[in-house]
Amino acid sequence: MTEIHLVATLVGMHFRPPAKAVLAHLPAEAQVDLIPEPDNPYDEFAVKVLVDPDAVPEDEYEALREDLAASGFDLEELLGGPFLQLGYVGSKPGKAGPVFGVTYAPELQPQLLSAEDYKATLGFDVSGDPLVHITIITEEAT
């Protein structure tokens, strides 16, 4: 087995309410799921990023409840629901340009589709912007 370690940006949270509020209360290293969307009509390399609402620590519930109130979402409804979409893996460098060591969806999606397994966790850069840390597990070439 071979492991490939990657870091990707998380984008589009403002299109996925209440993702921004939830992100503010998730710990670094919360497990996330990655779902390639090759049939996405806007981006054939799209990789959706999901989190189980149970990843929010109980001691964050009251603060999250307050943050959700302004957005029209209810904490109990959020916690009782299925996975929550946080956004997508970035498809290209942002306004700041390429970031050293960061991979983007066009490189990531084919690796995910051919991976034997993967692990993905939430992280944050020094500015507090969300990242996804990914370990892709593949069979070694023989």
N, C-alpha and C. Protein backbone atom coordinates (compact mmCIF):
# COMPACT_ATOMS: atom_id res chain seq x y z
N MET A 1 0.84 -1.19 0.00
CA MET A 1 0.00 0.00 0.00
C MET A 1 0.88 1.25 0.00
N THR A 2 0.38 2.25 -0.67
CA THR A 2 1.06 3.53 -0.73
C THR A 2 0.10 4.60 -0.24
N GLU A 3 0.61 5.54 0.54
CA GLU A 3 -0.19 6.66 1.02
C GLU A 3 0.30 7.94 0.38
N ILE A 4 -0.63 8.73 -0.12
CA ILE A 4 -0.33 10.04 -0.69
C ILE A 4 -1.00 11.06 0.21
N HIS A 5 -0.22 12.03 0.68
CA HIS A 5 -0.75 13.06 1.58
C HIS A 5 -0.92 14.36 0.80
N LEU A 6 -2.12 14.93 0.88
CA LEU A 6 -2.45 16.15 0.15
C LEU A 6 -3.16 17.14 1.07
N VAL A 7 -3.11 18.40 0.68
CA VAL A 7 -3.87 19.45 1.37
C VAL A 7 -4.63 20.21 0.29
N ALA A 8 -5.91 20.49 0.56
CA ALA A 8 -6.74 21.21 -0.40
C ALA A 8 -7.49 22.33 0.30
N THR A 9 -7.84 23.35 -0.46
CA THR A 9 -8.65 24.44 0.09
C THR A 9 -10.11 24.02 0.11
N LEU A 10 -10.87 24.58 1.04
CA LEU A 10 -12.30 24.37 1.12
C LEU A 10 -12.95 25.68 0.70
N VAL A 11 -13.82 25.62 -0.30
CA VAL A 11 -14.45 26.83 -0.84
C VAL A 11 -15.96 26.66 -0.90
N GLY A 12 -16.65 27.77 -1.14
CA GLY A 12 -18.09 27.75 -1.38
C GLY A 12 -18.95 27.63 -0.15
N MET A 13 -18.38 27.87 1.04
CA MET A 13 -19.18 27.74 2.25
C MET A 13 -20.37 28.70 2.26
N HIS A 14 -20.19 29.91 1.71
CA HIS A 14 -21.28 30.89 1.74
C HIS A 14 -22.46 30.46 0.87
N PHE A 15 -22.26 29.49 -0.03
CA PHE A 15 -23.36 28.97 -0.84
C PHE A 15 -24.07 27.81 -0.15
N ARG A 16 -23.55 27.37 0.99
CA ARG A 16 -24.07 26.20 1.69
C ARG A 16 -24.43 26.52 3.14
N PRO A 17 -25.36 27.46 3.37
CA PRO A 17 -25.72 27.74 4.75
C PRO A 17 -26.25 26.48 5.42
N PRO A 18 -25.93 26.24 6.63
CA PRO A 18 -25.19 27.02 7.62
C PRO A 18 -23.73 26.60 7.75
N ALA A 19 -23.08 26.27 6.64
CA ALA A 19 -21.71 25.74 6.68
C ALA A 19 -20.74 26.66 7.42
N LYS A 20 -20.80 27.96 7.17
CA LYS A 20 -19.85 28.87 7.83
C LYS A 20 -20.01 28.85 9.36
N ALA A 21 -21.25 28.81 9.82
CA ALA A 21 -21.49 28.77 11.26
C ALA A 21 -20.97 27.46 11.84
N VAL A 22 -21.22 26.36 11.17
CA VAL A 22 -20.77 25.06 11.66
C VAL A 22 -19.25 25.00 11.66
N LEU A 23 -18.61 25.49 10.60
CA LEU A 23 -17.14 25.49 10.53
C LEU A 23 -16.51 26.21 11.72
N ALA A 24 -17.14 27.27 12.16
CA ALA A 24 -16.60 28.05 13.29
C ALA A 24 -16.61 27.25 14.59
N HIS A 25 -17.33 26.13 14.62
CA HIS A 25 -17.45 25.35 15.85
C HIS A 25 -16.91 23.93 15.72
N LEU A 26 -16.32 23.63 14.58
CA LEU A 26 -15.72 22.31 14.38
C LEU A 26 -14.26 22.34 14.80
N PRO A 27 -13.79 21.29 15.41
CA PRO A 27 -12.36 21.24 15.77
C PRO A 27 -11.52 20.87 14.55
N ALA A 28 -10.28 21.32 14.56
CA ALA A 28 -9.33 20.84 13.56
C ALA A 28 -9.27 19.33 13.72
N GLU A 29 -9.08 18.65 12.65
CA GLU A 29 -9.00 17.19 12.58
C GLU A 29 -10.36 16.51 12.65
N ALA A 30 -11.47 17.27 12.55
CA ALA A 30 -12.78 16.64 12.42
C ALA A 30 -12.78 15.88 11.10
N GLN A 31 -13.31 14.67 11.12
CA GLN A 31 -13.34 13.86 9.91
C GLN A 31 -14.36 14.42 8.94
N VAL A 32 -13.99 14.47 7.67
CA VAL A 32 -14.91 14.89 6.61
C VAL A 32 -14.93 13.81 5.53
N ASP A 33 -16.01 13.80 4.77
CA ASP A 33 -16.13 12.88 3.65
C ASP A 33 -16.01 13.66 2.36
N LEU A 34 -15.38 13.06 1.37
CA LEU A 34 -15.19 13.67 0.06
C LEU A 34 -15.97 12.86 -0.96
N ILE A 35 -16.79 13.54 -1.74
CA ILE A 35 -17.61 12.88 -2.75
C ILE A 35 -17.30 13.50 -4.11
N PRO A 36 -16.59 12.76 -4.98
CA PRO A 36 -16.35 13.28 -6.33
C PRO A 36 -17.68 13.41 -7.08
N GLU A 37 -17.83 14.47 -7.84
CA GLU A 37 -19.04 14.71 -8.62
C GLU A 37 -18.68 14.92 -10.09
N PRO A 38 -18.26 13.88 -10.80
CA PRO A 38 -17.88 14.07 -12.20
C PRO A 38 -19.03 14.52 -13.09
N ASP A 39 -20.28 14.35 -12.64
CA ASP A 39 -21.44 14.79 -13.41
C ASP A 39 -21.94 16.18 -13.00
N ASN A 40 -21.19 16.88 -12.14
CA ASN A 40 -21.58 18.22 -11.71
C ASN A 40 -21.65 19.13 -12.94
N PRO A 41 -22.79 19.80 -13.16
CA PRO A 41 -22.94 20.62 -14.38
C PRO A 41 -22.07 21.86 -14.42
N TYR A 42 -21.52 22.27 -13.27
CA TYR A 42 -20.71 23.49 -13.22
C TYR A 42 -19.21 23.21 -13.22
N ASP A 43 -18.84 22.02 -12.75
CA ASP A 43 -17.41 21.70 -12.64
C ASP A 43 -17.26 20.18 -12.68
N GLU A 44 -16.75 19.66 -13.78
CA GLU A 44 -16.62 18.20 -13.93
C GLU A 44 -15.63 17.60 -12.94
N PHE A 45 -14.81 18.43 -12.30
CA PHE A 45 -13.83 17.95 -11.32
C PHE A 45 -14.27 18.20 -9.87
N ALA A 46 -15.53 18.57 -9.68
CA ALA A 46 -16.02 18.93 -8.35
C ALA A 46 -15.84 17.79 -7.35
N VAL A 47 -15.45 18.17 -6.12
CA VAL A 47 -15.34 17.23 -5.00
C VAL A 47 -16.06 17.87 -3.82
N LYS A 48 -17.21 17.30 -3.48
CA LYS A 48 -18.04 17.80 -2.38
C LYS A 48 -17.40 17.43 -1.05
N VAL A 49 -17.47 18.33 -0.06
CA VAL A 49 -16.94 18.09 1.29
C VAL A 49 -18.11 18.07 2.27
N LEU A 50 -18.27 16.93 2.96
CA LEU A 50 -19.37 16.73 3.90
C LEU A 50 -18.83 16.47 5.31
N VAL A 51 -19.63 16.82 6.31
CA VAL A 51 -19.28 16.51 7.70
C VAL A 51 -20.52 15.98 8.40
N ASP A 52 -20.31 15.04 9.30
CA ASP A 52 -21.38 14.54 10.13
C ASP A 52 -21.65 15.60 11.21
N PRO A 53 -22.89 16.04 11.38
CA PRO A 53 -23.16 17.06 12.40
C PRO A 53 -22.70 16.64 13.80
N ASP A 54 -22.58 15.33 14.05
CA ASP A 54 -22.10 14.87 15.35
C ASP A 54 -20.64 15.24 15.60
N ALA A 55 -19.94 15.74 14.59
CA ALA A 55 -18.55 16.16 14.76
C ALA A 55 -18.45 17.45 15.58
N VAL A 56 -19.56 18.18 15.71
CA VAL A 56 -19.56 19.39 16.53
C VAL A 56 -19.52 18.97 18.00
N PRO A 57 -18.52 19.42 18.74
CA PRO A 57 -18.44 19.06 20.16
C PRO A 57 -19.63 19.62 20.94
N GLU A 58 -20.12 18.84 21.90
CA GLU A 58 -21.28 19.25 22.70
C GLU A 58 -21.05 20.59 23.40
N ASP A 59 -19.82 20.87 23.81
CA ASP A 59 -19.58 22.14 24.51
C ASP A 59 -19.65 23.35 23.56
N GLU A 60 -19.85 23.10 22.27
CA GLU A 60 -20.02 24.18 21.29
C GLU A 60 -21.49 24.41 20.93
N TYR A 61 -22.38 23.57 21.42
CA TYR A 61 -23.79 23.63 21.01
C TYR A 61 -24.44 24.99 21.26
N GLU A 62 -24.27 25.55 22.44
CA GLU A 62 -24.94 26.82 22.74
C GLU A 62 -24.43 27.95 21.86
N ALA A 63 -23.13 28.02 21.68
CA ALA A 63 -22.57 29.05 20.81
C ALA A 63 -23.03 28.85 19.37
N LEU A 64 -23.08 27.60 18.92
CA LEU A 64 -23.56 27.32 17.56
C LEU A 64 -25.04 27.67 17.44
N ARG A 65 -25.81 27.37 18.47
CA ARG A 65 -27.24 27.72 18.45
C ARG A 65 -27.42 29.23 18.22
N GLU A 66 -26.62 30.03 18.91
CA GLU A 66 -26.69 31.49 18.74
C GLU A 66 -26.30 31.90 17.32
N ASP A 67 -25.25 31.29 16.79
CA ASP A 67 -24.81 31.62 15.43
C ASP A 67 -25.86 31.21 14.39
N LEU A 68 -26.53 30.10 14.64
CA LEU A 68 -27.54 29.61 13.69
C LEU A 68 -28.81 30.45 13.72
N ALA A 69 -29.12 31.08 14.85
CA ALA A 69 -30.36 31.84 14.98
C ALA A 69 -30.50 32.90 13.90
N ALA A 70 -29.43 33.57 13.57
CA ALA A 70 -29.47 34.62 12.56
C ALA A 70 -29.65 34.06 11.14
N SER A 71 -29.34 32.77 10.97
CA SER A 71 -29.41 32.19 9.63
C SER A 71 -30.71 31.44 9.36
N GLY A 72 -31.57 31.32 10.39
CA GLY A 72 -32.83 30.62 10.20
C GLY A 72 -32.73 29.11 10.35
N PHE A 73 -31.59 28.62 10.83
CA PHE A 73 -31.42 27.18 11.05
C PHE A 73 -31.54 26.88 12.52
N ASP A 74 -31.99 25.67 12.82
CA ASP A 74 -32.21 25.23 14.18
C ASP A 74 -31.17 24.17 14.53
N LEU A 75 -30.56 24.28 15.71
CA LEU A 75 -29.52 23.35 16.13
C LEU A 75 -30.02 21.91 16.16
N GLU A 76 -31.18 21.67 16.75
CA GLU A 76 -31.69 20.30 16.86
C GLU A 76 -31.93 19.70 15.48
N GLU A 77 -32.47 20.51 14.57
CA GLU A 77 -32.71 20.04 13.20
C GLU A 77 -31.37 19.71 12.53
N LEU A 78 -30.39 20.56 12.73
CA LEU A 78 -29.07 20.34 12.13
C LEU A 78 -28.43 19.06 12.69
N LEU A 79 -28.50 18.89 14.01
CA LEU A 79 -27.88 17.72 14.63
C LEU A 79 -28.62 16.43 14.30
N GLY A 80 -29.91 16.52 14.00
CA GLY A 80 -30.69 15.34 13.67
C GLY A 80 -30.65 14.98 12.20
N GLY A 81 -30.03 15.81 11.41
CA GLY A 81 -30.04 15.58 9.97
C GLY A 81 -28.88 14.74 9.50
N PRO A 82 -28.87 14.51 8.21
CA PRO A 82 -27.77 13.74 7.62
C PRO A 82 -26.52 14.60 7.52
N PHE A 83 -25.57 14.11 6.82
CA PHE A 83 -24.34 14.86 6.62
C PHE A 83 -24.63 16.25 6.10
N LEU A 84 -23.82 17.19 6.52
CA LEU A 84 -23.96 18.58 6.11
C LEU A 84 -22.86 18.92 5.11
N GLN A 85 -23.24 19.52 4.01
CA GLN A 85 -22.23 19.92 3.03
C GLN A 85 -21.57 21.22 3.47
N LEU A 86 -20.25 21.16 3.64
CA LEU A 86 -19.49 22.35 4.01
C LEU A 86 -19.14 23.19 2.80
N GLY A 87 -18.95 22.57 1.67
CA GLY A 87 -18.55 23.26 0.45
C GLY A 87 -17.92 22.27 -0.50
N TYR A 88 -16.90 22.76 -1.23
CA TYR A 88 -16.19 21.94 -2.21
C TYR A 88 -14.69 22.13 -2.05
N VAL A 89 -13.94 21.17 -2.53
CA VAL A 89 -12.50 21.33 -2.66
C VAL A 89 -12.30 22.38 -3.76
N GLY A 90 -11.41 23.33 -3.53
CA GLY A 90 -11.16 24.37 -4.52
C GLY A 90 -10.71 23.77 -5.85
N SER A 91 -11.22 24.35 -6.95
CA SER A 91 -10.88 23.85 -8.28
C SER A 91 -9.67 24.53 -8.89
N LYS A 92 -9.34 25.70 -8.37
CA LYS A 92 -8.20 26.44 -8.91
C LYS A 92 -7.71 27.42 -7.86
N PRO A 93 -6.50 27.91 -8.04
CA PRO A 93 -5.98 28.89 -7.08
C PRO A 93 -6.90 30.11 -7.00
N GLY A 94 -7.01 30.66 -5.81
CA GLY A 94 -7.85 31.84 -5.60
C GLY A 94 -7.17 33.12 -6.03
N LYS A 95 -7.68 34.23 -5.56
CA LYS A 95 -7.15 35.54 -5.92
C LYS A 95 -5.69 35.71 -5.51
N ALA A 96 -5.29 35.01 -4.46
CA ALA A 96 -3.91 35.12 -3.99
C ALA A 96 -2.95 34.31 -4.87
N GLY A 97 -3.49 33.52 -5.79
CA GLY A 97 -2.64 32.70 -6.65
C GLY A 97 -2.38 31.34 -6.06
N PRO A 98 -1.51 30.56 -6.68
CA PRO A 98 -1.23 29.20 -6.19
C PRO A 98 -0.65 29.23 -4.78
N VAL A 99 -0.99 28.24 -4.01
CA VAL A 99 -0.48 28.10 -2.65
C VAL A 99 0.42 26.87 -2.63
N PHE A 100 1.63 27.03 -2.14
CA PHE A 100 2.58 25.92 -2.10
C PHE A 100 2.01 24.75 -1.32
N GLY A 101 2.07 23.57 -1.91
CA GLY A 101 1.64 22.36 -1.22
C GLY A 101 0.16 22.09 -1.26
N VAL A 102 -0.61 22.92 -1.95
CA VAL A 102 -2.06 22.74 -2.01
C VAL A 102 -2.43 22.12 -3.35
N THR A 103 -3.29 21.09 -3.29
CA THR A 103 -3.79 20.45 -4.51
C THR A 103 -5.20 20.95 -4.77
N TYR A 104 -5.63 20.84 -6.00
CA TYR A 104 -6.95 21.32 -6.39
C TYR A 104 -7.77 20.19 -6.98
N ALA A 105 -9.08 20.38 -7.06
CA ALA A 105 -10.01 19.33 -7.47
C ALA A 105 -9.63 18.62 -8.77
N PRO A 106 -9.15 19.31 -9.83
CA PRO A 106 -8.81 18.57 -11.05
C PRO A 106 -7.71 17.52 -10.83
N GLU A 107 -6.81 17.74 -9.88
CA GLU A 107 -5.79 16.73 -9.57
C GLU A 107 -6.32 15.71 -8.57
N LEU A 108 -7.18 16.17 -7.66
CA LEU A 108 -7.66 15.31 -6.58
C LEU A 108 -8.71 14.31 -7.04
N GLN A 109 -9.67 14.76 -7.83
CA GLN A 109 -10.80 13.88 -8.16
C GLN A 109 -10.38 12.56 -8.81
N PRO A 110 -9.47 12.56 -9.80
CA PRO A 110 -9.07 11.27 -10.37
C PRO A 110 -8.39 10.35 -9.35
N GLN A 111 -7.63 10.94 -8.43
CA GLN A 111 -6.98 10.13 -7.41
C GLN A 111 -8.01 9.52 -6.46
N LEU A 112 -9.04 10.29 -6.10
CA LEU A 112 -10.09 9.76 -5.23
C LEU A 112 -10.87 8.64 -5.92
N LEU A 113 -11.17 8.84 -7.20
CA LEU A 113 -11.95 7.84 -7.93
C LEU A 113 -11.20 6.53 -8.08
N SER A 114 -9.86 6.58 -8.10
CA SER A 114 -9.09 5.35 -8.27
C SER A 114 -8.50 4.84 -6.95
N ALA A 115 -8.74 5.55 -5.86
CA ALA A 115 -8.16 5.18 -4.56
C ALA A 115 -8.82 3.93 -4.00
N GLU A 116 -8.02 3.16 -3.30
CA GLU A 116 -8.57 2.02 -2.57
C GLU A 116 -9.32 2.52 -1.33
N ASP A 117 -8.80 3.56 -0.71
CA ASP A 117 -9.41 4.15 0.47
C ASP A 117 -8.82 5.55 0.64
N TYR A 118 -9.40 6.33 1.52
CA TYR A 118 -8.84 7.65 1.85
C TYR A 118 -9.30 8.03 3.25
N LYS A 119 -8.62 9.01 3.79
CA LYS A 119 -9.02 9.64 5.05
C LYS A 119 -8.91 11.14 4.83
N ALA A 120 -9.90 11.89 5.28
CA ALA A 120 -9.87 13.34 5.12
C ALA A 120 -10.30 13.99 6.43
N THR A 121 -9.57 15.02 6.82
CA THR A 121 -9.88 15.75 8.04
C THR A 121 -9.83 17.25 7.77
N LEU A 122 -10.55 17.98 8.60
CA LEU A 122 -10.59 19.42 8.52
C LEU A 122 -9.34 20.02 9.13
N GLY A 123 -8.85 21.08 8.55
CA GLY A 123 -7.74 21.83 9.10
C GLY A 123 -7.96 23.30 8.82
N PHE A 124 -7.06 24.12 9.32
CA PHE A 124 -7.16 25.56 9.11
C PHE A 124 -5.77 26.11 8.85
N ASP A 125 -5.67 27.10 7.95
CA ASP A 125 -4.37 27.72 7.72
C ASP A 125 -4.13 28.79 8.79
N VAL A 126 -3.01 29.49 8.70
CA VAL A 126 -2.67 30.47 9.74
C VAL A 126 -3.65 31.64 9.79
N SER A 127 -4.39 31.86 8.71
CA SER A 127 -5.41 32.92 8.69
C SER A 127 -6.76 32.44 9.20
N GLY A 128 -6.87 31.13 9.47
CA GLY A 128 -8.14 30.58 9.92
C GLY A 128 -9.00 30.06 8.79
N ASP A 129 -8.51 30.13 7.55
CA ASP A 129 -9.28 29.63 6.42
C ASP A 129 -9.25 28.10 6.43
N PRO A 130 -10.38 27.47 6.09
CA PRO A 130 -10.46 26.01 6.18
C PRO A 130 -9.70 25.29 5.07
N LEU A 131 -9.10 24.18 5.47
CA LEU A 131 -8.36 23.30 4.57
C LEU A 131 -8.87 21.88 4.79
N VAL A 132 -8.59 21.02 3.82
CA VAL A 132 -8.89 19.61 3.97
C VAL A 132 -7.57 18.85 3.83
N HIS A 133 -7.23 18.07 4.86
CA HIS A 133 -6.03 17.24 4.83
C HIS A 133 -6.47 15.84 4.40
N ILE A 134 -5.83 15.34 3.35
CA ILE A 134 -6.28 14.10 2.73
C ILE A 134 -5.14 13.10 2.66
N THR A 135 -5.42 11.87 3.03
CA THR A 135 -4.49 10.76 2.83
C THR A 135 -5.19 9.78 1.91
N ILE A 136 -4.63 9.58 0.73
CA ILE A 136 -5.18 8.64 -0.25
C ILE A 136 -4.36 7.36 -0.18
N ILE A 137 -5.06 6.25 -0.09
CA ILE A 137 -4.41 4.94 0.01
C ILE A 137 -4.62 4.21 -1.31
N THR A 138 -3.51 3.82 -1.91
CA THR A 138 -3.56 3.10 -3.18
C THR A 138 -2.76 1.81 -3.07
N GLU A 139 -3.02 0.90 -3.99
CA GLU A 139 -2.21 -0.30 -4.06
C GLU A 139 -0.88 0.07 -4.66
N GLU A 140 0.17 -0.54 -4.13
CA GLU A 140 1.49 -0.31 -4.70
C GLU A 140 1.58 -0.97 -6.07
N ALA A 141 2.28 -0.29 -6.96
CA ALA A 141 2.52 -0.87 -8.28
C ALA A 141 3.45 -2.07 -8.11
N THR A 142 3.15 -3.15 -8.84
CA THR A 142 3.99 -4.35 -8.75
C THR A 142 4.87 -4.50 -9.95
